[in-house]
Amino acid sequence: PRKEDLLKPEFRFRRGAEWLVLPALARQLSTSDTERIAVLDLLTKGVTETSRLLAAEGADNDIATATALYFTQLWGVARQRAVPEAGADALHAQIVGALAGPEVAAMSDADKQRYWEYCLGLPIFVLGMREVATEPAAQADLRTIAAAAFEVLLGVRPELVDIGNEGLKLAAGVEEALAAPAMSPAAPA
């Protein structure tokens, strides 16, 4: 599908005058008031600029677009490789299909804004920190953070997923492993 065909009215929201999640996210991602102020500045500037760039495509304030950015950016950091544009577009189409339905359409503007801020804010933090935390141990920590955040939203670790020209695919054998009943140790006799 064309990019504009992926922009559905049920995924859009009217943004309020205030940030709903970014201040709390900045508190969670910092350990002091000085850090919190710097992180909040990074988040607000990053989300504002991302929104401005997305607006050029008519994709600002769109939770499906934000979800696609969340996954592509965090997967890229965790796996240390970029998602091809065709892969990002295919993933976006998959997300549109997954989010389609009455539950998402019925979400309030405020709930959509909260989700949107989180989906843009966390990757912006990780990418921003990647630019300044250049030590190998810090880079490894950021890959761990990116992987954990990816898994929180999808339920699968990024190393078990490929994002290519056909979108997101589980690695060979993963789907079967996830579907198999968990083996439990035998009960003592």
N, C-alpha and C. Protein backbone atom coordinates (compact mmCIF):
# COMPACT_ATOMS: atom_id res chain seq x y z
N PRO A 1 0.83 -1.22 0.00
CA PRO A 1 0.00 0.00 0.00
C PRO A 1 0.86 1.27 0.00
N ARG A 2 0.26 2.31 -0.51
CA ARG A 2 0.94 3.60 -0.50
C ARG A 2 0.94 4.15 0.93
N LYS A 3 1.94 4.98 1.25
CA LYS A 3 2.05 5.53 2.61
C LYS A 3 0.78 6.25 3.03
N GLU A 4 0.23 7.03 2.13
CA GLU A 4 -0.97 7.79 2.50
C GLU A 4 -2.17 6.88 2.77
N ASP A 5 -2.17 5.67 2.22
CA ASP A 5 -3.25 4.72 2.49
C ASP A 5 -3.18 4.14 3.90
N LEU A 6 -2.02 4.28 4.53
CA LEU A 6 -1.83 3.76 5.88
C LEU A 6 -2.26 4.76 6.96
N LEU A 7 -2.56 5.97 6.56
CA LEU A 7 -2.96 7.01 7.51
C LEU A 7 -4.47 6.97 7.68
N LYS A 8 -4.90 6.34 8.74
CA LYS A 8 -6.33 6.13 9.01
C LYS A 8 -6.81 7.11 10.07
N PRO A 9 -8.03 7.63 9.90
CA PRO A 9 -8.54 8.59 10.89
C PRO A 9 -8.61 8.03 12.31
N GLU A 10 -8.84 6.74 12.46
CA GLU A 10 -8.96 6.16 13.80
C GLU A 10 -7.63 6.11 14.55
N PHE A 11 -6.53 6.33 13.84
CA PHE A 11 -5.22 6.33 14.49
C PHE A 11 -4.75 7.74 14.85
N ARG A 12 -5.49 8.72 14.43
CA ARG A 12 -5.11 10.11 14.66
C ARG A 12 -5.76 10.64 15.94
N PHE A 13 -5.20 11.70 16.46
CA PHE A 13 -5.74 12.32 17.67
C PHE A 13 -5.46 13.81 17.64
N ARG A 14 -6.22 14.52 18.42
CA ARG A 14 -5.96 15.96 18.62
C ARG A 14 -5.06 16.10 19.82
N ARG A 15 -3.91 16.66 19.60
CA ARG A 15 -2.94 16.80 20.67
C ARG A 15 -3.34 17.94 21.59
N GLY A 16 -3.21 17.69 22.88
CA GLY A 16 -3.49 18.71 23.88
C GLY A 16 -2.35 19.72 23.96
N ALA A 17 -2.56 20.74 24.74
CA ALA A 17 -1.57 21.81 24.89
C ALA A 17 -0.37 21.39 25.72
N GLU A 18 -0.52 20.38 26.56
CA GLU A 18 0.54 19.94 27.47
C GLU A 18 1.03 18.55 27.09
N TRP A 19 2.28 18.27 27.46
CA TRP A 19 2.80 16.91 27.33
C TRP A 19 2.16 16.05 28.41
N LEU A 20 1.76 14.86 28.07
CA LEU A 20 1.09 13.98 29.03
C LEU A 20 2.00 12.90 29.59
N VAL A 21 3.01 12.47 28.83
CA VAL A 21 3.88 11.38 29.25
C VAL A 21 5.34 11.80 29.34
N LEU A 22 5.76 12.73 28.51
CA LEU A 22 7.19 13.06 28.46
C LEU A 22 7.77 13.49 29.81
N PRO A 23 7.09 14.30 30.62
CA PRO A 23 7.67 14.65 31.93
C PRO A 23 7.89 13.42 32.82
N ALA A 24 6.93 12.51 32.85
CA ALA A 24 7.08 11.30 33.66
C ALA A 24 8.17 10.40 33.09
N LEU A 25 8.25 10.32 31.78
CA LEU A 25 9.30 9.51 31.15
C LEU A 25 10.67 10.09 31.48
N ALA A 26 10.80 11.41 31.46
CA ALA A 26 12.07 12.05 31.82
C ALA A 26 12.45 11.74 33.26
N ARG A 27 11.48 11.72 34.17
CA ARG A 27 11.76 11.37 35.57
C ARG A 27 12.26 9.92 35.67
N GLN A 28 11.64 9.02 34.92
CA GLN A 28 12.03 7.61 34.96
C GLN A 28 13.41 7.37 34.37
N LEU A 29 13.82 8.20 33.43
CA LEU A 29 15.07 8.00 32.71
C LEU A 29 16.24 8.80 33.29
N SER A 30 16.03 9.41 34.45
CA SER A 30 17.07 10.25 35.04
C SER A 30 17.21 9.94 36.53
N THR A 31 18.32 10.39 37.09
CA THR A 31 18.57 10.12 38.51
C THR A 31 18.71 11.40 39.33
N SER A 32 18.64 12.56 38.69
CA SER A 32 18.75 13.83 39.42
C SER A 32 17.91 14.88 38.71
N ASP A 33 17.68 15.99 39.39
CA ASP A 33 16.91 17.08 38.78
C ASP A 33 17.61 17.64 37.55
N THR A 34 18.92 17.74 37.61
CA THR A 34 19.68 18.25 36.47
C THR A 34 19.52 17.32 35.26
N GLU A 35 19.65 16.02 35.50
CA GLU A 35 19.46 15.04 34.42
C GLU A 35 18.02 15.09 33.90
N ARG A 36 17.05 15.17 34.81
CA ARG A 36 15.64 15.18 34.41
C ARG A 36 15.37 16.35 33.47
N ILE A 37 15.91 17.52 33.80
CA ILE A 37 15.70 18.71 32.97
C ILE A 37 16.32 18.48 31.59
N ALA A 38 17.53 17.92 31.55
CA ALA A 38 18.20 17.67 30.27
C ALA A 38 17.47 16.62 29.45
N VAL A 39 17.01 15.55 30.11
CA VAL A 39 16.28 14.49 29.40
C VAL A 39 14.95 15.03 28.88
N LEU A 40 14.25 15.79 29.69
CA LEU A 40 12.98 16.36 29.23
C LEU A 40 13.21 17.29 28.04
N ASP A 41 14.28 18.06 28.07
CA ASP A 41 14.62 18.93 26.94
C ASP A 41 14.87 18.09 25.68
N LEU A 42 15.66 17.02 25.82
CA LEU A 42 15.91 16.12 24.69
C LEU A 42 14.61 15.54 24.16
N LEU A 43 13.76 15.06 25.05
CA LEU A 43 12.50 14.44 24.64
C LEU A 43 11.58 15.44 23.94
N THR A 44 11.39 16.60 24.55
CA THR A 44 10.45 17.57 23.95
C THR A 44 10.97 18.09 22.61
N LYS A 45 12.25 18.38 22.53
CA LYS A 45 12.80 18.84 21.24
C LYS A 45 12.74 17.73 20.20
N GLY A 46 13.09 16.52 20.60
CA GLY A 46 13.07 15.39 19.67
C GLY A 46 11.67 15.06 19.17
N VAL A 47 10.71 15.00 20.09
CA VAL A 47 9.33 14.69 19.69
C VAL A 47 8.75 15.83 18.84
N THR A 48 9.05 17.07 19.20
CA THR A 48 8.56 18.20 18.42
C THR A 48 9.12 18.16 17.00
N GLU A 49 10.41 17.91 16.87
CA GLU A 49 11.03 17.85 15.54
C GLU A 49 10.51 16.65 14.74
N THR A 50 10.38 15.51 15.39
CA THR A 50 9.85 14.33 14.71
C THR A 50 8.43 14.60 14.22
N SER A 51 7.64 15.21 15.06
CA SER A 51 6.26 15.55 14.68
C SER A 51 6.25 16.51 13.49
N ARG A 52 7.15 17.46 13.48
CA ARG A 52 7.23 18.42 12.37
C ARG A 52 7.58 17.68 11.07
N LEU A 53 8.53 16.77 11.14
CA LEU A 53 8.92 16.01 9.96
C LEU A 53 7.78 15.09 9.48
N LEU A 54 7.09 14.47 10.43
CA LEU A 54 5.96 13.61 10.06
C LEU A 54 4.80 14.40 9.47
N ALA A 55 4.64 15.63 9.93
CA ALA A 55 3.55 16.48 9.41
C ALA A 55 3.70 16.70 7.91
N ALA A 56 4.93 16.73 7.42
CA ALA A 56 5.16 16.91 5.99
C ALA A 56 4.55 15.77 5.17
N GLU A 57 4.39 14.61 5.82
CA GLU A 57 3.79 13.44 5.16
C GLU A 57 2.34 13.24 5.62
N GLY A 58 1.83 14.16 6.44
CA GLY A 58 0.48 14.00 6.98
C GLY A 58 0.39 12.93 8.04
N ALA A 59 1.54 12.56 8.62
CA ALA A 59 1.58 11.45 9.57
C ALA A 59 1.82 11.87 11.01
N ASP A 60 1.76 13.18 11.30
CA ASP A 60 1.91 13.60 12.69
C ASP A 60 0.64 13.21 13.45
N ASN A 61 0.77 13.04 14.74
CA ASN A 61 -0.37 12.67 15.59
C ASN A 61 -1.05 11.38 15.11
N ASP A 62 -0.26 10.42 14.68
CA ASP A 62 -0.77 9.15 14.18
C ASP A 62 -0.09 8.03 14.98
N ILE A 63 -0.88 7.25 15.71
CA ILE A 63 -0.27 6.25 16.59
C ILE A 63 0.30 5.06 15.84
N ALA A 64 -0.22 4.73 14.67
CA ALA A 64 0.37 3.64 13.89
C ALA A 64 1.76 4.03 13.40
N THR A 65 1.91 5.26 12.93
CA THR A 65 3.21 5.75 12.50
C THR A 65 4.18 5.77 13.67
N ALA A 66 3.73 6.24 14.82
CA ALA A 66 4.59 6.28 16.01
C ALA A 66 5.01 4.87 16.43
N THR A 67 4.11 3.92 16.32
CA THR A 67 4.44 2.53 16.67
C THR A 67 5.50 1.98 15.72
N ALA A 68 5.35 2.27 14.43
CA ALA A 68 6.35 1.81 13.45
C ALA A 68 7.72 2.42 13.75
N LEU A 69 7.74 3.70 14.10
CA LEU A 69 9.02 4.34 14.45
C LEU A 69 9.61 3.72 15.70
N TYR A 70 8.78 3.44 16.68
CA TYR A 70 9.24 2.82 17.93
C TYR A 70 9.97 1.51 17.62
N PHE A 71 9.31 0.64 16.86
CA PHE A 71 9.91 -0.66 16.57
C PHE A 71 11.14 -0.55 15.67
N THR A 72 11.09 0.24 14.62
CA THR A 72 12.24 0.30 13.71
C THR A 72 13.46 0.91 14.39
N GLN A 73 13.26 1.96 15.18
CA GLN A 73 14.40 2.62 15.81
C GLN A 73 15.01 1.75 16.91
N LEU A 74 14.18 1.15 17.75
CA LEU A 74 14.71 0.32 18.84
C LEU A 74 15.33 -0.97 18.30
N TRP A 75 14.70 -1.57 17.30
CA TRP A 75 15.25 -2.77 16.69
C TRP A 75 16.62 -2.45 16.07
N GLY A 76 16.70 -1.30 15.40
CA GLY A 76 17.95 -0.90 14.77
C GLY A 76 19.07 -0.73 15.78
N VAL A 77 18.78 -0.14 16.92
CA VAL A 77 19.80 0.03 17.96
C VAL A 77 20.17 -1.33 18.55
N ALA A 78 19.17 -2.12 18.89
CA ALA A 78 19.43 -3.42 19.52
C ALA A 78 20.19 -4.37 18.59
N ARG A 79 19.83 -4.36 17.32
CA ARG A 79 20.46 -5.27 16.35
C ARG A 79 21.65 -4.65 15.63
N GLN A 80 21.89 -3.37 15.85
CA GLN A 80 23.00 -2.64 15.25
C GLN A 80 22.96 -2.65 13.73
N ARG A 81 21.75 -2.48 13.20
CA ARG A 81 21.62 -2.32 11.75
C ARG A 81 20.34 -1.55 11.45
N ALA A 82 20.38 -0.87 10.34
CA ALA A 82 19.25 -0.03 9.95
C ALA A 82 18.17 -0.87 9.28
N VAL A 83 16.93 -0.45 9.48
CA VAL A 83 15.80 -1.07 8.80
C VAL A 83 15.69 -0.40 7.42
N PRO A 84 15.62 -1.19 6.35
CA PRO A 84 15.46 -0.58 5.03
C PRO A 84 14.11 0.15 4.94
N GLU A 85 14.05 1.19 4.12
CA GLU A 85 12.81 1.96 4.00
C GLU A 85 11.63 1.08 3.62
N ALA A 86 11.85 0.14 2.70
CA ALA A 86 10.77 -0.77 2.31
C ALA A 86 10.32 -1.62 3.49
N GLY A 87 11.27 -1.99 4.35
CA GLY A 87 10.93 -2.76 5.54
C GLY A 87 10.13 -1.94 6.54
N ALA A 88 10.50 -0.67 6.70
CA ALA A 88 9.75 0.22 7.60
C ALA A 88 8.33 0.42 7.08
N ASP A 89 8.19 0.57 5.77
CA ASP A 89 6.85 0.74 5.18
C ASP A 89 6.01 -0.53 5.35
N ALA A 90 6.64 -1.69 5.14
CA ALA A 90 5.92 -2.96 5.30
C ALA A 90 5.52 -3.17 6.75
N LEU A 91 6.41 -2.83 7.68
CA LEU A 91 6.08 -2.93 9.11
C LEU A 91 4.93 -1.99 9.45
N HIS A 92 4.97 -0.78 8.91
CA HIS A 92 3.88 0.17 9.15
C HIS A 92 2.55 -0.42 8.69
N ALA A 93 2.54 -1.06 7.54
CA ALA A 93 1.31 -1.70 7.03
C ALA A 93 0.86 -2.82 7.98
N GLN A 94 1.80 -3.59 8.49
CA GLN A 94 1.45 -4.64 9.45
C GLN A 94 0.83 -4.05 10.71
N ILE A 95 1.39 -2.96 11.17
CA ILE A 95 0.88 -2.31 12.39
C ILE A 95 -0.51 -1.76 12.15
N VAL A 96 -0.74 -1.16 11.00
CA VAL A 96 -2.08 -0.65 10.67
C VAL A 96 -3.08 -1.80 10.74
N GLY A 97 -2.72 -2.95 10.19
CA GLY A 97 -3.61 -4.11 10.25
C GLY A 97 -3.84 -4.59 11.67
N ALA A 98 -2.79 -4.58 12.48
CA ALA A 98 -2.91 -5.05 13.87
C ALA A 98 -3.73 -4.10 14.73
N LEU A 99 -3.62 -2.80 14.47
CA LEU A 99 -4.33 -1.82 15.30
C LEU A 99 -5.75 -1.55 14.84
N ALA A 100 -6.08 -1.97 13.63
CA ALA A 100 -7.42 -1.71 13.09
C ALA A 100 -8.45 -2.41 13.97
N GLY A 101 -9.48 -1.69 14.31
CA GLY A 101 -10.55 -2.28 15.10
C GLY A 101 -11.19 -1.27 16.03
N PRO A 102 -12.27 -1.65 16.63
CA PRO A 102 -13.03 -0.71 17.44
C PRO A 102 -12.33 -0.25 18.71
N GLU A 103 -11.44 -1.08 19.27
CA GLU A 103 -10.78 -0.71 20.52
C GLU A 103 -9.90 0.53 20.34
N VAL A 104 -9.09 0.52 19.31
CA VAL A 104 -8.20 1.65 19.07
C VAL A 104 -9.02 2.87 18.63
N ALA A 105 -10.00 2.64 17.78
CA ALA A 105 -10.84 3.76 17.31
C ALA A 105 -11.55 4.43 18.48
N ALA A 106 -11.87 3.67 19.52
CA ALA A 106 -12.60 4.22 20.66
C ALA A 106 -11.69 4.89 21.70
N MET A 107 -10.39 4.79 21.53
CA MET A 107 -9.47 5.42 22.49
C MET A 107 -9.67 6.93 22.47
N SER A 108 -9.55 7.53 23.63
CA SER A 108 -9.67 8.99 23.72
C SER A 108 -8.43 9.65 23.10
N ASP A 109 -8.56 10.91 22.74
CA ASP A 109 -7.41 11.66 22.23
C ASP A 109 -6.28 11.66 23.25
N ALA A 110 -6.60 11.82 24.52
CA ALA A 110 -5.57 11.85 25.56
C ALA A 110 -4.84 10.51 25.65
N ASP A 111 -5.57 9.39 25.57
CA ASP A 111 -4.91 8.08 25.60
C ASP A 111 -4.02 7.86 24.38
N LYS A 112 -4.50 8.29 23.22
CA LYS A 112 -3.68 8.18 22.01
C LYS A 112 -2.44 9.05 22.14
N GLN A 113 -2.60 10.23 22.70
CA GLN A 113 -1.45 11.12 22.86
C GLN A 113 -0.43 10.51 23.81
N ARG A 114 -0.89 9.92 24.90
CA ARG A 114 0.04 9.28 25.85
C ARG A 114 0.84 8.18 25.16
N TYR A 115 0.16 7.34 24.41
CA TYR A 115 0.81 6.23 23.70
C TYR A 115 1.80 6.79 22.67
N TRP A 116 1.38 7.80 21.92
CA TRP A 116 2.20 8.44 20.88
C TRP A 116 3.46 9.04 21.50
N GLU A 117 3.32 9.75 22.62
CA GLU A 117 4.48 10.35 23.27
C GLU A 117 5.48 9.28 23.71
N TYR A 118 4.97 8.19 24.27
CA TYR A 118 5.85 7.10 24.69
C TYR A 118 6.57 6.49 23.48
N CYS A 119 5.80 6.21 22.42
CA CYS A 119 6.38 5.56 21.23
C CYS A 119 7.42 6.42 20.53
N LEU A 120 7.30 7.72 20.63
CA LEU A 120 8.32 8.59 20.05
C LEU A 120 9.41 8.92 21.07
N GLY A 121 9.02 9.14 22.31
CA GLY A 121 9.95 9.60 23.33
C GLY A 121 11.04 8.61 23.69
N LEU A 122 10.68 7.36 23.91
CA LEU A 122 11.69 6.39 24.35
C LEU A 122 12.77 6.17 23.29
N PRO A 123 12.41 5.95 22.02
CA PRO A 123 13.48 5.83 21.01
C PRO A 123 14.31 7.10 20.87
N ILE A 124 13.70 8.26 21.02
CA ILE A 124 14.47 9.51 20.94
C ILE A 124 15.50 9.56 22.07
N PHE A 125 15.12 9.13 23.26
CA PHE A 125 16.07 9.07 24.37
C PHE A 125 17.23 8.13 24.03
N VAL A 126 16.91 6.93 23.57
CA VAL A 126 17.95 5.94 23.26
C VAL A 126 18.87 6.47 22.16
N LEU A 127 18.29 7.02 21.10
CA LEU A 127 19.11 7.54 20.00
C LEU A 127 19.95 8.74 20.44
N GLY A 128 19.35 9.60 21.27
CA GLY A 128 20.10 10.76 21.78
C GLY A 128 21.26 10.33 22.65
N MET A 129 21.02 9.37 23.51
CA MET A 129 22.09 8.88 24.39
C MET A 129 23.17 8.16 23.59
N ARG A 130 22.78 7.50 22.53
CA ARG A 130 23.76 6.80 21.69
C ARG A 130 24.78 7.78 21.10
N GLU A 131 24.33 9.00 20.85
CA GLU A 131 25.23 10.01 20.29
C GLU A 131 26.25 10.52 21.30
N VAL A 132 25.88 10.53 22.58
CA VAL A 132 26.79 11.11 23.58
C VAL A 132 27.50 10.05 24.43
N ALA A 133 26.92 8.90 24.57
CA ALA A 133 27.52 7.82 25.37
C ALA A 133 28.31 6.91 24.44
N THR A 134 29.54 7.27 24.16
CA THR A 134 30.30 6.59 23.12
C THR A 134 31.16 5.44 23.62
N GLU A 135 31.30 5.29 24.92
CA GLU A 135 32.09 4.18 25.46
C GLU A 135 31.42 2.86 25.10
N PRO A 136 32.21 1.82 24.80
CA PRO A 136 31.62 0.53 24.43
C PRO A 136 30.63 -0.02 25.47
N ALA A 137 30.93 0.12 26.75
CA ALA A 137 30.01 -0.38 27.79
C ALA A 137 28.69 0.39 27.76
N ALA A 138 28.75 1.70 27.55
CA ALA A 138 27.54 2.52 27.48
C ALA A 138 26.74 2.15 26.24
N GLN A 139 27.40 1.90 25.13
CA GLN A 139 26.70 1.49 23.91
C GLN A 139 26.01 0.14 24.12
N ALA A 140 26.68 -0.78 24.81
CA ALA A 140 26.08 -2.08 25.12
C ALA A 140 24.86 -1.90 26.01
N ASP A 141 24.96 -1.01 27.00
CA ASP A 141 23.81 -0.74 27.87
C ASP A 141 22.63 -0.20 27.07
N LEU A 142 22.90 0.69 26.11
CA LEU A 142 21.83 1.24 25.29
C LEU A 142 21.19 0.17 24.41
N ARG A 143 22.00 -0.76 23.91
CA ARG A 143 21.43 -1.87 23.13
C ARG A 143 20.52 -2.72 24.02
N THR A 144 20.93 -2.92 25.27
CA THR A 144 20.11 -3.68 26.22
C THR A 144 18.80 -2.95 26.51
N ILE A 145 18.87 -1.63 26.71
CA ILE A 145 17.66 -0.83 26.94
C ILE A 145 16.74 -0.89 25.73
N ALA A 146 17.31 -0.74 24.54
CA ALA A 146 16.50 -0.78 23.31
C ALA A 146 15.83 -2.15 23.17
N ALA A 147 16.56 -3.21 23.43
CA ALA A 147 16.01 -4.56 23.31
C ALA A 147 14.87 -4.78 24.32
N ALA A 148 15.07 -4.33 25.55
CA ALA A 148 14.04 -4.50 26.57
C ALA A 148 12.78 -3.70 26.22
N ALA A 149 12.96 -2.49 25.73
CA ALA A 149 11.80 -1.67 25.34
C ALA A 149 11.07 -2.29 24.16
N PHE A 150 11.80 -2.82 23.20
CA PHE A 150 11.20 -3.51 22.06
C PHE A 150 10.34 -4.67 22.55
N GLU A 151 10.92 -5.46 23.44
CA GLU A 151 10.23 -6.66 23.94
C GLU A 151 8.99 -6.29 24.76
N VAL A 152 9.03 -5.18 25.49
CA VAL A 152 7.88 -4.77 26.30
C VAL A 152 6.65 -4.59 25.43
N LEU A 153 6.81 -3.95 24.28
CA LEU A 153 5.66 -3.66 23.44
C LEU A 153 5.27 -4.83 22.54
N LEU A 154 6.23 -5.63 22.10
CA LEU A 154 5.92 -6.72 21.17
C LEU A 154 5.84 -8.08 21.85
N GLY A 155 6.54 -8.25 22.96
CA GLY A 155 6.51 -9.54 23.65
C GLY A 155 7.54 -10.52 23.12
N VAL A 156 8.42 -10.07 22.24
CA VAL A 156 9.46 -10.92 21.66
C VAL A 156 10.75 -10.11 21.62
N ARG A 157 11.86 -10.76 21.96
CA ARG A 157 13.15 -10.08 21.92
C ARG A 157 13.53 -9.75 20.48
N PRO A 158 14.19 -8.62 20.26
CA PRO A 158 14.50 -8.20 18.89
C PRO A 158 15.43 -9.17 18.15
N GLU A 159 16.24 -9.93 18.86
CA GLU A 159 17.12 -10.87 18.16
C GLU A 159 16.34 -12.06 17.57
N LEU A 160 15.08 -12.20 17.96
CA LEU A 160 14.23 -13.25 17.41
C LEU A 160 13.36 -12.76 16.27
N VAL A 161 13.60 -11.52 15.85
CA VAL A 161 12.77 -10.86 14.85
C VAL A 161 13.66 -10.28 13.76
N ASP A 162 13.21 -10.38 12.53
CA ASP A 162 13.86 -9.68 11.43
C ASP A 162 12.88 -8.67 10.88
N ILE A 163 13.38 -7.50 10.52
CA ILE A 163 12.56 -6.50 9.84
C ILE A 163 13.25 -6.25 8.50
N GLY A 164 12.62 -6.75 7.46
CA GLY A 164 13.16 -6.61 6.11
C GLY A 164 12.09 -6.07 5.19
N ASN A 165 12.30 -6.24 3.92
CA ASN A 165 11.40 -5.67 2.92
C ASN A 165 9.97 -6.19 3.01
N GLU A 166 9.77 -7.29 3.70
CA GLU A 166 8.42 -7.83 3.88
C GLU A 166 7.84 -7.49 5.25
N GLY A 167 8.52 -6.63 5.99
CA GLY A 167 8.05 -6.24 7.31
C GLY A 167 8.67 -7.08 8.39
N LEU A 168 7.96 -7.22 9.49
CA LEU A 168 8.45 -7.95 10.65
C LEU A 168 8.14 -9.42 10.51
N LYS A 169 9.16 -10.23 10.71
CA LYS A 169 9.00 -11.68 10.66
C LYS A 169 9.75 -12.28 11.84
N LEU A 170 9.15 -13.28 12.45
CA LEU A 170 9.85 -14.02 13.50
C LEU A 170 10.90 -14.89 12.84
N ALA A 171 12.02 -15.06 13.50
CA ALA A 171 13.08 -15.93 12.99
C ALA A 171 12.55 -17.35 12.90
N ALA A 172 13.15 -18.13 12.05
CA ALA A 172 12.72 -19.52 11.84
C ALA A 172 12.66 -20.27 13.16
N GLY A 173 11.57 -20.95 13.39
CA GLY A 173 11.39 -21.77 14.57
C GLY A 173 10.84 -21.06 15.78
N VAL A 174 10.87 -19.74 15.79
CA VAL A 174 10.41 -18.99 16.97
C VAL A 174 8.90 -19.11 17.14
N GLU A 175 8.16 -19.00 16.05
CA GLU A 175 6.70 -19.06 16.14
C GLU A 175 6.25 -20.40 16.72
N GLU A 176 6.88 -21.46 16.27
CA GLU A 176 6.53 -22.79 16.79
C GLU A 176 6.88 -22.91 18.26
N ALA A 177 8.03 -22.36 18.65
CA ALA A 177 8.45 -22.41 20.05
C ALA A 177 7.49 -21.62 20.93
N LEU A 178 7.02 -20.48 20.44
CA LEU A 178 6.09 -19.67 21.23
C LEU A 178 4.74 -20.35 21.35
N ALA A 179 4.34 -21.11 20.33
CA ALA A 179 3.03 -21.76 20.34
C ALA A 179 3.02 -23.05 21.15
N ALA A 180 4.19 -23.65 21.34
CA ALA A 180 4.28 -24.93 22.06
C ALA A 180 3.97 -24.72 23.53
N PRO A 181 3.28 -25.66 24.15
CA PRO A 181 3.02 -25.53 25.58
C PRO A 181 4.32 -25.60 26.36
N ALA A 182 4.38 -24.81 27.41
CA ALA A 182 5.59 -24.78 28.24
C ALA A 182 5.75 -26.12 28.94
N MET A 183 6.96 -26.59 28.99
CA MET A 183 7.26 -27.84 29.69
C MET A 183 7.47 -27.51 31.15
N SER A 184 6.80 -28.21 32.02
CA SER A 184 7.02 -27.98 33.44
C SER A 184 7.71 -29.20 34.02
N PRO A 185 8.53 -28.96 35.03
CA PRO A 185 9.22 -30.11 35.63
C PRO A 185 8.20 -31.05 36.26
N ALA A 186 8.54 -32.29 36.27
CA ALA A 186 7.65 -33.30 36.85
C ALA A 186 7.46 -33.04 38.34
N ALA A 187 6.26 -33.22 38.79
CA ALA A 187 5.95 -33.02 40.21
C ALA A 187 6.61 -34.14 41.00
N PRO A 188 7.11 -33.81 42.19
CA PRO A 188 7.74 -34.85 43.00
C PRO A 188 6.72 -35.92 43.37
N ALA A 189 7.17 -37.16 43.43
CA ALA A 189 6.27 -38.28 43.74
C ALA A 189 5.98 -38.39 45.20
